[in-house]
Amino acid sequence: MEHRREQALRGGKVVQRPVLYLGEINDSQRDAWCRVIEAFDEDSRHHRQLALFPAERAVPDHAKTYGVQVRLDEMQLHRPRQWGACFLACHLYGQLELDLFFAARLPNSREGTRWQHILQTLVCYRLIDPGSEWRLHRQWFEQSAMGDLIGADYSLVEKECALPLPR
């Protein structure tokens, strides 16, 4: 059960909400809980659906053709980053055609500075998680997926080449 204190709507009362049912489920319910993911097979160059199961359990008969066993005890998370908000901000930037608008107005410098990418990063940063310029350089860019989404590395936000943020 999840306990949550509701604000003024319920007079500050604690309400409960079930987040996980730990009871028995039948075979048809278990089949419904079997989720599939879409994976890209690099060898065949096609997408295929897979269902993930713990390695200590056998793959159920109904999933033999698309079931994959995963060693959950050996799973590790490396460099978790904010991705969804960055993707949506970049998508919005493209939908508003800001990239096209600034293409002629912000050419790359002779030294190779990609001003369009710097501007897009600044705009997305202000939209997603407004903060100081120092925080953008020291923390946010590295913890976000902006570099991956626009094809840039940390050199994009080095203190020497970045634009000052508007106040």
Protein backbone atom coordinates (compact mmCIF):
# COMPACT_ATOMS: atom_id res chain seq x y z
CA MET A 1 0.00 0.00 0.00
CA GLU A 2 1.10 3.49 -0.73
CA HIS A 3 0.27 6.08 1.92
CA ARG A 4 -0.16 9.62 0.73
CA ARG A 5 -1.22 12.68 2.68
CA GLU A 6 -3.73 14.61 0.61
CA GLN A 7 -3.66 18.37 0.84
CA ALA A 8 -6.62 20.68 1.38
CA LEU A 9 -9.02 18.65 -0.77
CA ARG A 10 -9.41 15.97 1.88
CA GLY A 11 -8.57 17.97 4.96
CA GLY A 12 -5.02 16.60 5.25
CA LYS A 13 -6.19 12.98 5.64
CA VAL A 14 -3.94 10.04 4.82
CA VAL A 15 -5.29 7.96 1.94
CA GLN A 16 -4.15 4.53 0.81
CA ARG A 17 -3.77 3.26 -2.72
CA PRO A 18 -2.73 -0.30 -3.68
CA VAL A 19 0.39 -0.27 -5.85
CA LEU A 20 1.07 -4.00 -6.03
CA TYR A 21 -1.18 -7.01 -5.62
CA LEU A 22 0.69 -9.88 -3.98
CA GLY A 23 -2.06 -12.49 -4.17
CA GLU A 24 -2.39 -15.53 -6.42
CA ILE A 25 -3.14 -15.09 -10.11
CA ASN A 26 -4.45 -17.68 -12.53
CA ASP A 27 -2.89 -18.69 -15.88
CA SER A 28 -4.90 -16.28 -18.01
CA GLN A 29 -4.02 -13.39 -15.68
CA ARG A 30 -0.35 -14.41 -15.81
CA ASP A 31 -0.48 -14.42 -19.61
CA ALA A 32 -1.97 -10.91 -19.54
CA TRP A 33 0.88 -9.75 -17.28
CA CYS A 34 3.49 -11.08 -19.72
CA ARG A 35 4.61 -7.90 -21.43
CA VAL A 36 6.56 -7.86 -24.65
CA ILE A 37 9.14 -5.33 -25.75
CA GLU A 38 10.25 -4.50 -29.25
CA ALA A 39 13.92 -5.08 -29.97
CA PHE A 40 16.01 -4.49 -33.08
CA ASP A 41 17.92 -7.53 -34.32
CA GLU A 42 21.11 -6.17 -35.87
CA ASP A 43 21.86 -9.40 -37.76
CA SER A 44 18.52 -9.64 -39.57
CA ARG A 45 17.96 -5.86 -39.57
CA HIS A 46 14.36 -6.34 -38.39
CA HIS A 47 12.38 -5.53 -35.27
CA ARG A 48 11.09 -8.43 -33.22
CA GLN A 49 9.11 -8.77 -30.05
CA LEU A 50 10.67 -10.27 -26.95
CA ALA A 51 9.36 -11.12 -23.49
CA LEU A 52 11.81 -10.91 -20.59
CA PHE A 53 11.86 -13.50 -17.80
CA PRO A 54 14.20 -14.02 -14.81
CA ALA A 55 17.01 -16.50 -15.50
CA GLU A 56 16.13 -18.67 -12.49
CA ARG A 57 12.72 -19.50 -13.98
CA ALA A 58 12.02 -21.40 -17.16
CA VAL A 59 10.40 -19.53 -20.05
CA PRO A 60 6.66 -20.42 -20.06
CA ASP A 61 5.38 -22.60 -22.89
CA HIS A 62 3.26 -19.80 -24.33
CA ALA A 63 6.38 -17.63 -24.73
CA LYS A 64 8.95 -20.17 -25.99
CA THR A 65 9.37 -18.49 -29.37
CA TYR A 66 9.91 -14.97 -28.07
CA GLY A 67 10.96 -15.38 -24.43
CA VAL A 68 14.42 -14.33 -23.24
CA GLN A 69 15.91 -15.11 -19.84
CA VAL A 70 17.63 -12.21 -18.08
CA ARG A 71 20.05 -12.45 -15.14
CA LEU A 72 18.49 -9.73 -13.00
CA ASP A 73 21.12 -10.10 -10.26
CA GLU A 74 23.77 -8.96 -12.75
CA MET A 75 21.88 -5.96 -14.13
CA GLN A 76 23.60 -2.61 -13.61
CA LEU A 77 22.58 0.92 -14.40
CA HIS A 78 25.35 3.12 -15.76
CA ARG A 79 25.10 6.89 -16.24
CA PRO A 80 21.32 7.31 -15.84
CA ARG A 81 20.23 10.48 -17.59
CA GLN A 82 17.09 12.48 -18.14
CA TRP A 83 15.92 11.53 -21.61
CA GLY A 84 12.17 12.01 -22.04
CA ALA A 85 12.03 15.71 -21.21
CA CYS A 86 15.05 16.41 -23.43
CA PHE A 87 13.48 14.48 -26.30
CA LEU A 88 10.19 16.38 -25.98
CA ALA A 89 11.95 19.75 -25.72
CA CYS A 90 14.01 18.97 -28.86
CA HIS A 91 10.84 17.83 -30.63
CA LEU A 92 9.06 21.05 -29.67
CA TYR A 93 12.09 23.06 -30.84
CA GLY A 94 11.83 21.30 -34.21
CA GLN A 95 8.04 21.65 -34.42
CA LEU A 96 8.37 25.39 -33.89
CA GLU A 97 11.00 25.33 -36.65
CA LEU A 98 13.44 27.24 -34.49
CA ASP A 99 16.24 25.18 -36.00
CA LEU A 100 15.30 26.44 -39.48
CA PHE A 101 14.82 30.00 -38.25
CA PHE A 102 18.27 30.16 -36.67
CA ALA A 103 20.10 28.19 -39.39
CA ALA A 104 20.82 31.29 -41.49
CA ARG A 105 21.19 33.59 -38.51
CA LEU A 106 23.67 31.51 -36.49
CA PRO A 107 26.30 29.95 -38.74
CA ASN A 108 29.07 27.86 -37.20
CA SER A 109 32.14 29.80 -36.17
CA ARG A 110 35.51 29.44 -37.90
CA GLU A 111 36.70 27.49 -34.86
CA GLY A 112 33.83 25.02 -35.32
CA THR A 113 31.52 26.23 -32.55
CA ARG A 114 28.01 24.99 -33.34
CA TRP A 115 26.00 28.03 -32.19
CA GLN A 116 22.70 26.40 -33.17
CA HIS A 117 23.37 23.49 -30.81
CA ILE A 118 24.39 25.83 -28.02
CA LEU A 119 21.20 27.85 -28.46
CA GLN A 120 19.05 24.70 -28.59
CA THR A 121 20.69 23.41 -25.42
CA LEU A 122 20.11 26.72 -23.63
CA VAL A 123 16.46 26.86 -24.73
CA CYS A 124 15.80 23.26 -23.67
CA TYR A 125 17.59 23.78 -20.36
CA ARG A 126 15.46 26.83 -19.57
CA LEU A 127 12.30 24.96 -20.54
CA ILE A 128 13.03 21.72 -18.67
CA ASP A 129 14.93 22.73 -15.56
CA PRO A 130 15.72 26.45 -15.29
CA GLY A 131 18.83 27.14 -13.32
CA SER A 132 22.11 28.95 -13.30
CA GLU A 133 24.65 28.94 -16.09
CA TRP A 134 27.10 27.35 -13.65
CA ARG A 135 24.69 24.44 -13.08
CA LEU A 136 24.27 23.93 -16.84
CA HIS A 137 28.04 23.61 -17.26
CA ARG A 138 28.80 21.61 -14.14
CA GLN A 139 25.82 19.31 -13.74
CA TRP A 140 22.77 19.41 -16.00
CA PHE A 141 24.28 18.77 -19.44
CA GLU A 142 26.20 15.72 -18.27
CA GLN A 143 23.14 14.27 -16.49
CA SER A 144 20.79 14.86 -19.41
CA ALA A 145 20.59 13.27 -22.83
CA MET A 146 20.90 16.55 -24.72
CA GLY A 147 24.35 15.69 -26.04
CA ASP A 148 23.11 12.37 -27.42
CA LEU A 149 20.00 13.92 -28.96
CA ILE A 150 21.82 16.70 -30.82
CA GLY A 151 25.03 14.78 -31.50
CA ALA A 152 27.35 16.84 -29.31
CA ASP A 153 29.75 16.15 -26.47
CA TYR A 154 30.67 18.10 -23.34
CA SER A 155 32.78 20.54 -25.35
CA LEU A 156 29.49 22.15 -26.39
CA VAL A 157 28.96 23.60 -22.91
CA GLU A 158 32.53 24.38 -21.96
CA LYS A 159 32.68 27.67 -20.15
CA GLU A 160 34.79 29.28 -22.89
CA CYS A 161 32.39 28.71 -25.78
CA ALA A 162 28.88 28.93 -24.30
CA LEU A 163 26.57 31.88 -24.56
CA PRO A 164 25.50 33.66 -21.37
CA LEU A 165 22.00 32.75 -20.26
CA PRO A 166 19.41 35.52 -20.38
CA ARG A 167 18.44 36.78 -16.92
